[in-house]
């Protein structure tokens, strides 16, 4: 069930990034403009898949910013 939901969510994001960004803003109450999120989501280096990629870049950043130890 979880994997199927993840597949559906990934497919939805890739089909309609604007709708995904709008849902994200509504659910998180984020104040960012939709256009700002779309700029990030449409960056060629950003890919929405079920397979984790480049995790260490995120871990290194989180450690540098103090989010994790």
N, C-alpha and C. Protein backbone atom coordinates (compact mmCIF):
# COMPACT_ATOMS: atom_id res chain seq x y z
N UNK A 1 0.83 -1.20 0.00
CA UNK A 1 0.00 0.00 0.00
C UNK A 1 0.87 1.26 0.00
N UNK A 2 1.88 1.30 0.88
CA UNK A 2 2.75 2.47 0.95
C UNK A 2 3.48 2.69 -0.37
N UNK A 3 4.05 1.63 -0.93
CA UNK A 3 4.81 1.74 -2.18
C UNK A 3 3.89 2.22 -3.30
N UNK A 4 2.69 1.70 -3.36
CA UNK A 4 1.73 2.12 -4.39
C UNK A 4 1.40 3.61 -4.24
N UNK A 5 1.22 4.06 -3.01
CA UNK A 5 0.94 5.47 -2.77
C UNK A 5 2.12 6.34 -3.18
N UNK A 6 3.33 5.89 -2.87
CA UNK A 6 4.53 6.61 -3.25
C UNK A 6 4.65 6.69 -4.78
N UNK A 7 4.35 5.60 -5.45
CA UNK A 7 4.36 5.59 -6.92
C UNK A 7 3.37 6.61 -7.47
N UNK A 8 2.16 6.61 -6.92
CA UNK A 8 1.12 7.53 -7.38
C UNK A 8 1.52 8.98 -7.13
N UNK A 9 2.09 9.26 -5.97
CA UNK A 9 2.50 10.62 -5.65
C UNK A 9 3.62 11.09 -6.58
N UNK A 10 4.58 10.23 -6.83
CA UNK A 10 5.69 10.57 -7.72
C UNK A 10 5.17 10.83 -9.13
N UNK A 11 4.29 10.00 -9.59
CA UNK A 11 3.69 10.18 -10.92
C UNK A 11 2.91 11.49 -10.98
N UNK A 12 2.14 11.79 -9.95
CA UNK A 12 1.36 13.02 -9.90
C UNK A 12 2.27 14.25 -9.97
N UNK A 13 3.32 14.26 -9.18
CA UNK A 13 4.26 15.39 -9.17
C UNK A 13 4.84 15.60 -10.56
N UNK A 14 5.27 14.53 -11.19
CA UNK A 14 5.89 14.63 -12.51
C UNK A 14 4.90 15.03 -13.60
N UNK A 15 3.63 14.69 -13.44
CA UNK A 15 2.61 15.05 -14.43
C UNK A 15 2.16 16.51 -14.29
N UNK A 16 2.03 16.99 -13.05
CA UNK A 16 1.46 18.32 -12.83
C UNK A 16 2.16 19.00 -11.65
N UNK A 17 3.32 19.55 -11.92
CA UNK A 17 4.12 20.17 -10.85
C UNK A 17 3.41 21.37 -10.22
N UNK A 18 2.67 22.11 -11.02
CA UNK A 18 1.95 23.27 -10.46
C UNK A 18 0.92 22.80 -9.42
N UNK A 19 0.15 21.80 -9.75
CA UNK A 19 -0.85 21.28 -8.80
C UNK A 19 -0.16 20.73 -7.57
N UNK A 20 0.96 20.03 -7.76
CA UNK A 20 1.71 19.49 -6.62
C UNK A 20 2.22 20.61 -5.73
N UNK A 21 2.72 21.68 -6.33
CA UNK A 21 3.21 22.82 -5.55
C UNK A 21 2.07 23.49 -4.79
N UNK A 22 0.92 23.63 -5.43
CA UNK A 22 -0.24 24.23 -4.77
C UNK A 22 -0.71 23.39 -3.59
N UNK A 23 -0.71 22.09 -3.76
CA UNK A 23 -1.09 21.19 -2.66
C UNK A 23 -0.09 21.31 -1.52
N UNK A 24 1.19 21.34 -1.87
CA UNK A 24 2.24 21.47 -0.85
C UNK A 24 2.03 22.75 -0.04
N UNK A 25 1.80 23.87 -0.73
CA UNK A 25 1.60 25.15 -0.05
C UNK A 25 0.37 25.09 0.86
N UNK A 26 -0.71 24.53 0.34
CA UNK A 26 -1.94 24.44 1.14
C UNK A 26 -1.76 23.55 2.37
N UNK A 27 -1.09 22.41 2.21
CA UNK A 27 -0.94 21.46 3.31
C UNK A 27 0.07 21.94 4.36
N UNK A 28 1.13 22.61 3.92
CA UNK A 28 2.17 23.04 4.86
C UNK A 28 1.98 24.47 5.35
N UNK A 29 1.06 25.20 4.71
CA UNK A 29 0.84 26.61 5.01
C UNK A 29 2.09 27.44 4.72
N UNK A 30 2.90 26.95 3.80
CA UNK A 30 4.10 27.65 3.34
C UNK A 30 3.67 28.96 2.69
N UNK A 31 4.42 30.02 2.90
CA UNK A 31 4.09 31.33 2.36
C UNK A 31 4.79 31.61 1.03
N UNK A 32 5.56 30.65 0.54
CA UNK A 32 6.28 30.84 -0.72
C UNK A 32 5.31 30.95 -1.89
N UNK A 33 5.61 31.83 -2.83
CA UNK A 33 4.78 31.88 -4.04
C UNK A 33 4.92 30.59 -4.85
N UNK A 34 3.86 30.18 -5.48
CA UNK A 34 3.88 28.96 -6.30
C UNK A 34 4.99 29.04 -7.33
N UNK A 35 5.19 30.21 -7.92
CA UNK A 35 6.21 30.36 -8.96
C UNK A 35 7.61 30.06 -8.42
N UNK A 36 7.88 30.41 -7.16
CA UNK A 36 9.19 30.10 -6.57
C UNK A 36 9.39 28.59 -6.44
N UNK A 37 8.35 27.91 -5.99
CA UNK A 37 8.45 26.45 -5.86
C UNK A 37 8.59 25.79 -7.24
N UNK A 38 7.87 26.31 -8.22
CA UNK A 38 7.96 25.74 -9.56
C UNK A 38 9.36 25.93 -10.15
N UNK A 39 9.98 27.05 -9.83
CA UNK A 39 11.34 27.28 -10.31
C UNK A 39 12.28 26.19 -9.78
N UNK A 40 12.11 25.84 -8.52
CA UNK A 40 12.92 24.77 -7.91
C UNK A 40 12.54 23.42 -8.52
N UNK A 41 11.26 23.15 -8.61
CA UNK A 41 10.79 21.86 -9.10
C UNK A 41 11.17 21.60 -10.56
N UNK A 42 11.26 22.67 -11.35
CA UNK A 42 11.59 22.53 -12.77
C UNK A 42 13.08 22.61 -13.06
N UNK A 43 13.89 22.80 -12.02
CA UNK A 43 15.34 22.82 -12.21
C UNK A 43 15.76 21.47 -12.79
N UNK A 44 16.58 21.47 -13.84
CA UNK A 44 16.99 20.20 -14.45
C UNK A 44 17.75 19.27 -13.50
N UNK A 45 18.30 19.81 -12.43
CA UNK A 45 19.02 18.96 -11.48
C UNK A 45 18.09 18.33 -10.45
N UNK A 46 16.83 18.76 -10.43
CA UNK A 46 15.85 18.20 -9.49
C UNK A 46 15.05 17.14 -10.23
N UNK A 47 15.04 15.94 -9.66
CA UNK A 47 14.34 14.82 -10.28
C UNK A 47 13.47 14.14 -9.23
N UNK A 48 12.22 13.90 -9.56
CA UNK A 48 11.31 13.24 -8.63
C UNK A 48 11.20 11.78 -9.01
N UNK A 49 11.81 10.93 -8.18
CA UNK A 49 11.80 9.50 -8.40
C UNK A 49 11.56 8.82 -7.05
N UNK A 50 11.38 7.53 -7.10
CA UNK A 50 11.24 6.76 -5.87
C UNK A 50 12.59 6.29 -5.35
N UNK A 51 13.60 6.38 -6.18
CA UNK A 51 14.95 5.95 -5.82
C UNK A 51 15.74 7.15 -5.29
N UNK A 52 16.20 7.09 -4.04
CA UNK A 52 16.98 8.20 -3.50
C UNK A 52 18.27 8.41 -4.31
N UNK A 53 18.59 9.68 -4.55
CA UNK A 53 19.80 10.04 -5.28
C UNK A 53 20.46 11.22 -4.59
N UNK A 54 21.77 11.22 -4.60
CA UNK A 54 22.55 12.34 -4.06
C UNK A 54 22.22 12.65 -2.60
N UNK A 55 21.94 11.64 -1.83
CA UNK A 55 21.56 11.81 -0.43
C UNK A 55 22.68 12.49 0.37
N UNK A 56 23.91 12.14 0.09
CA UNK A 56 25.02 12.69 0.89
C UNK A 56 25.13 14.20 0.72
N UNK A 57 24.75 14.75 -0.41
CA UNK A 57 24.76 16.21 -0.58
C UNK A 57 23.81 16.84 0.44
N UNK A 58 22.64 16.24 0.59
CA UNK A 58 21.66 16.76 1.54
C UNK A 58 22.14 16.56 2.97
N UNK A 59 22.70 15.41 3.27
CA UNK A 59 23.21 15.13 4.61
C UNK A 59 24.33 16.12 4.96
N UNK A 60 25.25 16.34 4.05
CA UNK A 60 26.34 17.30 4.29
C UNK A 60 25.79 18.70 4.55
N UNK A 61 24.81 19.12 3.75
CA UNK A 61 24.21 20.43 3.93
C UNK A 61 23.51 20.52 5.29
N UNK A 62 22.75 19.49 5.64
CA UNK A 62 22.04 19.51 6.92
C UNK A 62 23.01 19.55 8.10
N UNK A 63 24.13 18.87 7.95
CA UNK A 63 25.13 18.90 9.02
C UNK A 63 25.76 20.30 9.13
N UNK A 64 26.08 20.90 8.00
CA UNK A 64 26.69 22.24 7.99
C UNK A 64 25.76 23.28 8.59
N UNK A 65 24.46 23.13 8.36
CA UNK A 65 23.50 24.11 8.86
C UNK A 65 23.02 23.78 10.28
N UNK A 66 23.49 22.67 10.82
CA UNK A 66 23.14 22.32 12.20
C UNK A 66 21.82 21.60 12.35
N UNK A 67 21.20 21.21 11.24
CA UNK A 67 19.94 20.49 11.31
C UNK A 67 20.12 19.11 11.90
N UNK A 68 21.26 18.49 11.58
CA UNK A 68 21.61 17.18 12.14
C UNK A 68 23.05 17.23 12.64
N UNK A 69 23.38 16.28 13.50
CA UNK A 69 24.77 16.21 13.98
C UNK A 69 25.56 15.21 13.19
